[in-house]
PDB file of N, CA and C in Angstrom:
ATOM      1  N   UNK A   1       6.763  24.646  25.690  1.00  0.00           N
ATOM      2  CA  UNK A   1       7.064  23.240  25.550  1.00  0.00           C
ATOM      3  C   UNK A   1       8.546  23.104  25.212  1.00  0.00           C
ATOM      4  N   UNK A   2       9.222  22.242  25.947  1.00  0.00           N
ATOM      5  CA  UNK A   2      10.640  22.015  25.691  1.00  0.00           C
ATOM      6  C   UNK A   2      10.850  20.608  25.159  1.00  0.00           C
ATOM      7  N   UNK A   3      11.760  20.490  24.224  1.00  0.00           N
ATOM      8  CA  UNK A   3      12.106  19.208  23.631  1.00  0.00           C
ATOM      9  C   UNK A   3      13.468  18.781  24.143  1.00  0.00           C
ATOM     10  N   UNK A   4      13.572  17.536  24.541  1.00  0.00           N
ATOM     11  CA  UNK A   4      14.847  16.972  24.972  1.00  0.00           C
ATOM     12  C   UNK A   4      15.514  16.408  23.725  1.00  0.00           C
ATOM     13  N   UNK A   5      16.516  17.082  23.234  1.00  0.00           N
ATOM     14  CA  UNK A   5      17.170  16.683  21.990  1.00  0.00           C
ATOM     15  C   UNK A   5      17.993  15.407  22.136  1.00  0.00           C
ATOM     16  N   UNK A   6      18.130  14.906  23.359  1.00  0.00           N
ATOM     17  CA  UNK A   6      18.823  13.642  23.570  1.00  0.00           C
ATOM     18  C   UNK A   6      17.881  12.443  23.380  1.00  0.00           C
ATOM     19  N   UNK A   7      16.585  12.714  23.341  1.00  0.00           N
ATOM     20  CA  UNK A   7      15.581  11.657  23.145  1.00  0.00           C
ATOM     21  C   UNK A   7      15.162  11.685  21.675  1.00  0.00           C
ATOM     22  N   UNK A   8      15.364  10.551  20.994  1.00  0.00           N
ATOM     23  CA  UNK A   8      15.111  10.484  19.549  1.00  0.00           C
ATOM     24  C   UNK A   8      13.707  10.939  19.170  1.00  0.00           C
ATOM     25  N   UNK A   9      12.690  10.470  19.896  1.00  0.00           N
ATOM     26  CA  UNK A   9      11.312  10.812  19.555  1.00  0.00           C
ATOM     27  C   UNK A   9      11.067  12.316  19.686  1.00  0.00           C
ATOM     28  N   UNK A  10      11.611  12.924  20.707  1.00  0.00           N
ATOM     29  CA  UNK A  10      11.419  14.360  20.918  1.00  0.00           C
ATOM     30  C   UNK A  10      12.190  15.179  19.881  1.00  0.00           C
ATOM     31  N   UNK A  11      13.393  14.727  19.549  1.00  0.00           N
ATOM     32  CA  UNK A  11      14.182  15.423  18.532  1.00  0.00           C
ATOM     33  C   UNK A  11      13.473  15.351  17.180  1.00  0.00           C
ATOM     34  N   UNK A  12      12.923  14.173  16.867  1.00  0.00           N
ATOM     35  CA  UNK A  12      12.202  14.011  15.600  1.00  0.00           C
ATOM     36  C   UNK A  12      10.982  14.932  15.562  1.00  0.00           C
ATOM     37  N   UNK A  13      10.256  15.016  16.671  1.00  0.00           N
ATOM     38  CA  UNK A  13       9.095  15.914  16.739  1.00  0.00           C
ATOM     39  C   UNK A  13       9.529  17.367  16.532  1.00  0.00           C
ATOM     40  N   UNK A  14      10.613  17.754  17.150  1.00  0.00           N
ATOM     41  CA  UNK A  14      11.123  19.128  16.989  1.00  0.00           C
ATOM     42  C   UNK A  14      11.465  19.392  15.525  1.00  0.00           C
ATOM     43  N   UNK A  15      12.123  18.428  14.882  1.00  0.00           N
ATOM     44  CA  UNK A  15      12.503  18.596  13.476  1.00  0.00           C
ATOM     45  C   UNK A  15      11.272  18.722  12.580  1.00  0.00           C
ATOM     46  N   UNK A  16      10.257  17.908  12.848  1.00  0.00           N
ATOM     47  CA  UNK A  16       9.039  17.974  12.042  1.00  0.00           C
ATOM     48  C   UNK A  16       8.359  19.326  12.203  1.00  0.00           C
ATOM     49  N   UNK A  17       8.267  19.795  13.432  1.00  0.00           N
ATOM     50  CA  UNK A  17       7.605  21.079  13.688  1.00  0.00           C
ATOM     51  C   UNK A  17       8.360  22.222  13.029  1.00  0.00           C
ATOM     52  N   UNK A  18       9.687  22.155  13.022  1.00  0.00           N
ATOM     53  CA  UNK A  18      10.490  23.268  12.512  1.00  0.00           C
ATOM     54  C   UNK A  18      10.877  23.130  11.036  1.00  0.00           C
ATOM     55  N   UNK A  19      10.485  22.055  10.383  1.00  0.00           N
ATOM     56  CA  UNK A  19      10.920  21.867   8.994  1.00  0.00           C
ATOM     57  C   UNK A  19      10.308  22.891   8.035  1.00  0.00           C
ATOM     58  N   UNK A  20       9.154  23.437   8.374  1.00  0.00           N
ATOM     59  CA  UNK A  20       8.542  24.437   7.501  1.00  0.00           C
ATOM     60  C   UNK A  20       9.254  25.784   7.607  1.00  0.00           C
ATOM     61  N   UNK A  21       9.834  26.025   8.750  1.00  0.00           N
ATOM     62  CA  UNK A  21      10.612  27.240   8.926  1.00  0.00           C
ATOM     63  C   UNK A  21       9.807  28.517   8.970  1.00  0.00           C
ATOM     64  N   UNK A  22       8.512  28.420   9.239  1.00  0.00           N
ATOM     65  CA  UNK A  22       7.701  29.641   9.263  1.00  0.00           C
ATOM     66  C   UNK A  22       7.590  30.251  10.652  1.00  0.00           C
ATOM     67  N   UNK A  23       8.158  29.606  11.657  1.00  0.00           N
ATOM     68  CA  UNK A  23       8.178  30.170  12.997  1.00  0.00           C
ATOM     69  C   UNK A  23       6.865  30.052  13.752  1.00  0.00           C
ATOM     70  N   UNK A  24       5.902  29.367  13.200  1.00  0.00           N
ATOM     71  CA  UNK A  24       4.601  29.228  13.842  1.00  0.00           C
ATOM     72  C   UNK A  24       4.493  27.871  14.543  1.00  0.00           C
ATOM     73  N   UNK A  25       5.399  27.673  15.499  1.00  0.00           N
ATOM     74  CA  UNK A  25       5.483  26.396  16.204  1.00  0.00           C
ATOM     75  C   UNK A  25       4.183  26.112  16.946  1.00  0.00           C
ATOM     76  N   UNK A  26       3.616  27.087  17.589  1.00  0.00           N
ATOM     77  CA  UNK A  26       2.369  26.908  18.345  1.00  0.00           C
ATOM     78  C   UNK A  26       1.251  26.381  17.471  1.00  0.00           C
ATOM     79  N   UNK A  27       1.112  26.940  16.278  1.00  0.00           N
ATOM     80  CA  UNK A  27       0.069  26.496  15.358  1.00  0.00           C
ATOM     81  C   UNK A  27       0.327  25.074  14.871  1.00  0.00           C
ATOM     82  N   UNK A  28       1.586  24.734  14.656  1.00  0.00           N
ATOM     83  CA  UNK A  28       1.944  23.383  14.224  1.00  0.00           C
ATOM     84  C   UNK A  28       1.604  22.364  15.311  1.00  0.00           C
ATOM     85  N   UNK A  29       1.905  22.708  16.553  1.00  0.00           N
ATOM     86  CA  UNK A  29       1.614  21.807  17.674  1.00  0.00           C
ATOM     87  C   UNK A  29       0.098  21.624  17.813  1.00  0.00           C
ATOM     88  N   UNK A  30      -0.643  22.726  17.743  1.00  0.00           N
ATOM     89  CA  UNK A  30      -2.099  22.654  17.841  1.00  0.00           C
ATOM     90  C   UNK A  30      -2.672  21.804  16.711  1.00  0.00           C
ATOM     91  N   UNK A  31      -2.182  22.019  15.512  1.00  0.00           N
ATOM     92  CA  UNK A  31      -2.646  21.256  14.360  1.00  0.00           C
ATOM     93  C   UNK A  31      -2.347  19.765  14.535  1.00  0.00           C
ATOM     94  N   UNK A  32      -1.154  19.437  15.026  1.00  0.00           N
ATOM     95  CA  UNK A  32      -0.769  18.044  15.235  1.00  0.00           C
ATOM     96  C   UNK A  32      -1.646  17.382  16.297  1.00  0.00           C
ATOM     97  N   UNK A  33      -1.928  18.099  17.361  1.00  0.00           N
ATOM     98  CA  UNK A  33      -2.772  17.559  18.427  1.00  0.00           C
ATOM     99  C   UNK A  33      -4.185  17.313  17.908  1.00  0.00           C
ATOM    100  N   UNK A  34      -4.734  18.280  17.170  1.00  0.00           N
ATOM    101  CA  UNK A  34      -6.082  18.128  16.629  1.00  0.00           C
ATOM    102  C   UNK A  34      -6.157  16.978  15.628  1.00  0.00           C
ATOM    103  N   UNK A  35      -5.162  16.865  14.768  1.00  0.00           N
ATOM    104  CA  UNK A  35      -5.131  15.776  13.789  1.00  0.00           C
ATOM    105  C   UNK A  35      -5.050  14.431  14.492  1.00  0.00           C
ATOM    106  N   UNK A  36      -4.206  14.346  15.509  1.00  0.00           N
ATOM    107  CA  UNK A  36      -4.067  13.105  16.262  1.00  0.00           C
ATOM    108  C   UNK A  36      -5.387  12.716  16.917  1.00  0.00           C
ATOM    109  N   UNK A  37      -6.074  13.689  17.473  1.00  0.00           N
ATOM    110  CA  UNK A  37      -7.359  13.423  18.118  1.00  0.00           C
ATOM    111  C   UNK A  37      -8.398  12.948  17.105  1.00  0.00           C
ATOM    112  N   UNK A  38      -8.445  13.596  15.939  1.00  0.00           N
ATOM    113  CA  UNK A  38      -9.397  13.210  14.893  1.00  0.00           C
ATOM    114  C   UNK A  38      -9.114  11.794  14.403  1.00  0.00           C
ATOM    115  N   UNK A  39      -7.839  11.472  14.202  1.00  0.00           N
ATOM    116  CA  UNK A  39      -7.475  10.135  13.729  1.00  0.00           C
ATOM    117  C   UNK A  39      -7.795   9.074  14.777  1.00  0.00           C
ATOM    118  N   UNK A  40      -7.607   9.419  16.044  1.00  0.00           N
ATOM    119  CA  UNK A  40      -7.918   8.484  17.120  1.00  0.00           C
ATOM    120  C   UNK A  40      -9.414   8.198  17.144  1.00  0.00           C
ATOM    121  N   UNK A  41     -10.218   9.240  16.991  1.00  0.00           N
ATOM    122  CA  UNK A  41     -11.673   9.058  16.946  1.00  0.00           C
ATOM    123  C   UNK A  41     -12.094   8.238  15.745  1.00  0.00           C
ATOM    124  N   UNK A  42     -11.462   8.488  14.609  1.00  0.00           N
ATOM    125  CA  UNK A  42     -11.756   7.740  13.394  1.00  0.00           C
ATOM    126  C   UNK A  42     -11.380   6.273  13.566  1.00  0.00           C
ATOM    127  N   UNK A  43     -10.230   6.027  14.178  1.00  0.00           N
ATOM    128  CA  UNK A  43      -9.792   4.653  14.409  1.00  0.00           C
ATOM    129  C   UNK A  43     -10.790   3.922  15.303  1.00  0.00           C
ATOM    130  N   UNK A  44     -11.258   4.581  16.357  1.00  0.00           N
ATOM    131  CA  UNK A  44     -12.226   3.959  17.267  1.00  0.00           C
ATOM    132  C   UNK A  44     -13.516   3.625  16.522  1.00  0.00           C
ATOM    133  N   UNK A  45     -13.973   4.552  15.673  1.00  0.00           N
ATOM    134  CA  UNK A  45     -15.200   4.324  14.922  1.00  0.00           C
ATOM    135  C   UNK A  45     -15.036   3.144  13.965  1.00  0.00           C
ATOM    136  N   UNK A  46     -13.902   3.073  13.261  1.00  0.00           N
ATOM    137  CA  UNK A  46     -13.652   1.975  12.322  1.00  0.00           C
ATOM    138  C   UNK A  46     -13.590   0.650  13.070  1.00  0.00           C
ATOM    139  N   UNK A  47     -12.902   0.632  14.210  1.00  0.00           N
ATOM    140  CA  UNK A  47     -12.820  -0.598  15.000  1.00  0.00           C
ATOM    141  C   UNK A  47     -14.210  -1.061  15.438  1.00  0.00           C
ATOM    142  N   UNK A  48     -15.050  -0.126  15.865  1.00  0.00           N
ATOM    143  CA  UNK A  48     -16.401  -0.457  16.319  1.00  0.00           C
ATOM    144  C   UNK A  48     -17.215  -1.048  15.174  1.00  0.00           C
ATOM    145  N   UNK A  49     -17.191  -0.399  14.014  1.00  0.00           N
ATOM    146  CA  UNK A  49     -17.968  -0.864  12.868  1.00  0.00           C
ATOM    147  C   UNK A  49     -17.496  -2.243  12.420  1.00  0.00           C
ATOM    148  N   UNK A  50     -16.188  -2.431  12.313  1.00  0.00           N
ATOM    149  CA  UNK A  50     -15.652  -3.724  11.878  1.00  0.00           C
ATOM    150  C   UNK A  50     -16.026  -4.806  12.888  1.00  0.00           C
ATOM    151  N   UNK A  51     -15.901  -4.508  14.166  1.00  0.00           N
ATOM    152  CA  UNK A  51     -16.244  -5.473  15.205  1.00  0.00           C
ATOM    153  C   UNK A  51     -17.716  -5.866  15.120  1.00  0.00           C
ATOM    154  N   UNK A  52     -18.593  -4.881  14.944  1.00  0.00           N
ATOM    155  CA  UNK A  52     -20.026  -5.163  14.832  1.00  0.00           C
ATOM    156  C   UNK A  52     -20.324  -6.024  13.610  1.00  0.00           C
ATOM    157  N   UNK A  53     -19.698  -5.714  12.498  1.00  0.00           N
ATOM    158  CA  UNK A  53     -19.949  -6.471  11.272  1.00  0.00           C
ATOM    159  C   UNK A  53     -19.417  -7.902  11.380  1.00  0.00           C
ATOM    160  N   UNK A  54     -18.270  -8.079  12.054  1.00  0.00           N
ATOM    161  CA  UNK A  54     -17.749  -9.429  12.254  1.00  0.00           C
ATOM    162  C   UNK A  54     -18.667 -10.246  13.156  1.00  0.00           C
ATOM    163  N   UNK A  55     -19.224  -9.611  14.177  1.00  0.00           N
ATOM    164  CA  UNK A  55     -20.167 -10.309  15.048  1.00  0.00           C
ATOM    165  C   UNK A  55     -21.391 -10.748  14.249  1.00  0.00           C
ATOM    166  N   UNK A  56     -21.891  -9.876  13.395  1.00  0.00           N
ATOM    167  CA  UNK A  56     -23.050 -10.222  12.568  1.00  0.00           C
ATOM    168  C   UNK A  56     -22.720 -11.387  11.638  1.00  0.00           C
ATOM    169  N   UNK A  57     -21.544 -11.345  11.051  1.00  0.00           N
ATOM    170  CA  UNK A  57     -21.143 -12.387  10.103  1.00  0.00           C
ATOM    171  C   UNK A  57     -21.020 -13.743  10.794  1.00  0.00           C
ATOM    172  N   UNK A  58     -20.621 -13.755  12.049  1.00  0.00           N
ATOM    173  CA  UNK A  58     -20.448 -15.009  12.770  1.00  0.00           C
ATOM    174  C   UNK A  58     -21.783 -15.660  13.112  1.00  0.00           C
ATOM    175  N   UNK A  59     -22.842 -14.884  13.213  1.00  0.00           N
ATOM    176  CA  UNK A  59     -24.127 -15.413  13.652  1.00  0.00           C
ATOM    177  C   UNK A  59     -25.138 -15.567  12.525  1.00  0.00           C
ATOM    178  N   UNK A  60     -24.688 -15.579  11.303  1.00  0.00           N
ATOM    179  CA  UNK A  60     -25.592 -15.806  10.191  1.00  0.00           C
ATOM    180  C   UNK A  60     -25.941 -17.293  10.189  1.00  0.00           C
ATOM    181  N   UNK A  61     -27.230 -17.611  10.349  1.00  0.00           N
ATOM    182  CA  UNK A  61     -27.581 -19.034  10.368  1.00  0.00           C
ATOM    183  C   UNK A  61     -27.379 -19.653   8.989  1.00  0.00           C
ATOM    184  N   UNK A  62     -26.886 -20.873   8.958  1.00  0.00           N
ATOM    185  CA  UNK A  62     -26.683 -21.509   7.656  1.00  0.00           C
ATOM    186  C   UNK A  62     -28.027 -21.786   6.997  1.00  0.00           C
ATOM    187  N   UNK A  63     -28.026 -21.776   5.693  1.00  0.00           N
ATOM    188  CA  UNK A  63     -29.257 -22.053   4.965  1.00  0.00           C
ATOM    189  C   UNK A  63     -29.576 -23.536   5.117  1.00  0.00           C
ATOM    190  N   UNK A  64     -30.827 -23.841   5.424  1.00  0.00           N
ATOM    191  CA  UNK A  64     -31.172 -25.261   5.560  1.00  0.00           C
ATOM    192  C   UNK A  64     -31.117 -25.952   4.207  1.00  0.00           C
ATOM    193  N   UNK A  65     -30.769 -27.213   4.253  1.00  0.00           N
ATOM    194  CA  UNK A  65     -30.702 -27.987   3.021  1.00  0.00           C
ATOM    195  C   UNK A  65     -32.112 -28.157   2.469  1.00  0.00           C
ATOM    196  N   UNK A  66     -32.212 -28.102   1.183  1.00  0.00           N
ATOM    197  CA  UNK A  66     -33.507 -28.256   0.546  1.00  0.00           C
ATOM    198  C   UNK A  66     -33.993 -29.684   0.736  1.00  0.00           C
ATOM    199  N   UNK A  67     -35.225 -29.830   1.193  1.00  0.00           N
ATOM    200  CA  UNK A  67     -35.807 -31.146   1.417  1.00  0.00           C
ATOM    201  C   UNK A  67     -36.561 -31.590   0.178  1.00  0.00           C
ATOM    202  N   UNK A  68     -36.289 -32.813  -0.214  1.00  0.00           N
ATOM    203  CA  UNK A  68     -36.987 -33.399  -1.349  1.00  0.00           C
ATOM    204  C   UNK A  68     -37.849 -34.525  -0.802  1.00  0.00           C
ATOM    205  N   UNK A  69     -39.180 -34.354  -0.770  1.00  0.00           N
ATOM    206  CA  UNK A  69     -40.046 -35.377  -0.173  1.00  0.00           C
ATOM    207  C   UNK A  69     -39.975 -36.724  -0.881  1.00  0.00           C
ATOM    208  N   UNK A  70     -39.580 -36.759  -2.152  1.00  0.00           N
ATOM    209  CA  UNK A  70     -39.503 -38.018  -2.885  1.00  0.00           C
ATOM    210  C   UNK A  70     -38.347 -38.894  -2.407  1.00  0.00           C
ATOM    211  N   UNK A  71     -37.257 -38.278  -1.972  1.00  0.00           N
ATOM    212  CA  UNK A  71     -36.085 -39.055  -1.553  1.00  0.00           C
ATOM    213  C   UNK A  71     -35.929 -39.116  -0.049  1.00  0.00           C
ATOM    214  N   UNK A  72     -36.755 -38.393   0.658  1.00  0.00           N
ATOM    215  CA  UNK A  72     -36.622 -38.330   2.103  1.00  0.00           C
ATOM    216  C   UNK A  72     -37.264 -39.551   2.753  1.00  0.00           C
ATOM    217  N   UNK A  73     -36.521 -40.182   3.646  1.00  0.00           N
ATOM    218  CA  UNK A  73     -37.041 -41.345   4.358  1.00  0.00           C
ATOM    219  C   UNK A  73     -37.381 -40.936   5.778  1.00  0.00           C
ATOM    220  N   UNK A  74     -38.408 -41.525   6.295  1.00  0.00           N
ATOM    221  CA  UNK A  74     -38.778 -41.206   7.671  1.00  0.00           C
ATOM    222  C   UNK A  74     -37.879 -41.983   8.629  1.00  0.00           C
ATOM    223  N   UNK A  75     -37.845 -41.533   9.857  1.00  0.00           N
ATOM    224  CA  UNK A  75     -37.033 -42.209  10.866  1.00  0.00           C
ATOM    225  C   UNK A  75     -37.531 -43.630  11.096  1.00  0.00           C
ATOM    226  N   UNK A  76     -38.827 -43.777  11.047  1.00  0.00           N
ATOM    227  CA  UNK A  76     -39.400 -45.097  11.273  1.00  0.00           C
ATOM    228  C   UNK A  76     -38.946 -46.077  10.208  1.00  0.00           C
ATOM    229  N   UNK A  77     -38.947 -45.659   8.947  1.00  0.00           N
ATOM    230  CA  UNK A  77     -38.488 -46.530   7.863  1.00  0.00           C
ATOM    231  C   UNK A  77     -37.036 -46.943   8.069  1.00  0.00           C
ATOM    232  N   UNK A  78     -36.218 -46.014   8.485  1.00  0.00           N
ATOM    233  CA  UNK A  78     -34.799 -46.307   8.706  1.00  0.00           C
ATOM    234  C   UNK A  78     -34.632 -47.287   9.856  1.00  0.00           C
ATOM    235  N   UNK A  79     -35.355 -47.050  10.971  1.00  0.00           N
ATOM    236  CA  UNK A  79     -35.253 -47.956  12.116  1.00  0.00           C
ATOM    237  C   UNK A  79     -35.776 -49.356  11.768  1.00  0.00           C
ATOM    238  N   UNK A  80     -36.854 -49.421  11.017  1.00  0.00           N
ATOM    239  CA  UNK A  80     -37.391 -50.722  10.592  1.00  0.00           C
ATOM    240  C   UNK A  80     -36.366 -51.470   9.750  1.00  0.00           C
ATOM    241  N   UNK A  81     -35.712 -50.755   8.873  1.00  0.00           N
ATOM    242  CA  UNK A  81     -34.687 -51.389   8.028  1.00  0.00           C
ATOM    243  C   UNK A  81     -33.539 -51.931   8.873  1.00  0.00           C
ATOM    244  N   UNK A  82     -33.114 -51.157   9.866  1.00  0.00           N
ATOM    245  CA  UNK A  82     -32.005 -51.580  10.718  1.00  0.00           C
ATOM    246  C   UNK A  82     -32.368 -52.780  11.571  1.00  0.00           C
ATOM    247  N   UNK A  83     -33.646 -52.941  11.912  1.00  0.00           N
ATOM    248  CA  UNK A  83     -34.066 -54.082  12.729  1.00  0.00           C
ATOM    249  C   UNK A  83     -33.984 -55.394  11.964  1.00  0.00           C
ATOM    250  N   UNK A  84     -33.947 -55.330  10.658  1.00  0.00           N
ATOM    251  CA  UNK A  84     -33.879 -56.561   9.873  1.00  0.00           C
ATOM    252  C   UNK A  84     -32.511 -57.221   9.950  1.00  0.00           C
ATOM    253  N   UNK A  85     -31.539 -56.533  10.478  1.00  0.00           N
ATOM    254  CA  UNK A  85     -30.189 -57.123  10.574  1.00  0.00           C
ATOM    255  C   UNK A  85     -30.059 -57.910  11.790  1.00  0.00           C
TER     256      UNK A  85
END
């Protein structure tokens, strides 16, 4: 693998890989690739779970208002009252 030192992102990657100075560049690259893959999978899983939970939250039916038969008027009573006008 060659790094283009004129490209900032590639130079930064080269510096990160070589900052330990142990000469095990291959192992560092493999470790970085594996970590990136694991984080990508984790991100996908988190996005899926959050999306599912938001969908559930949006479809929670509202609690019906408590009906009190003593104060509740029938439609007929209301219409009869309105006809008196």
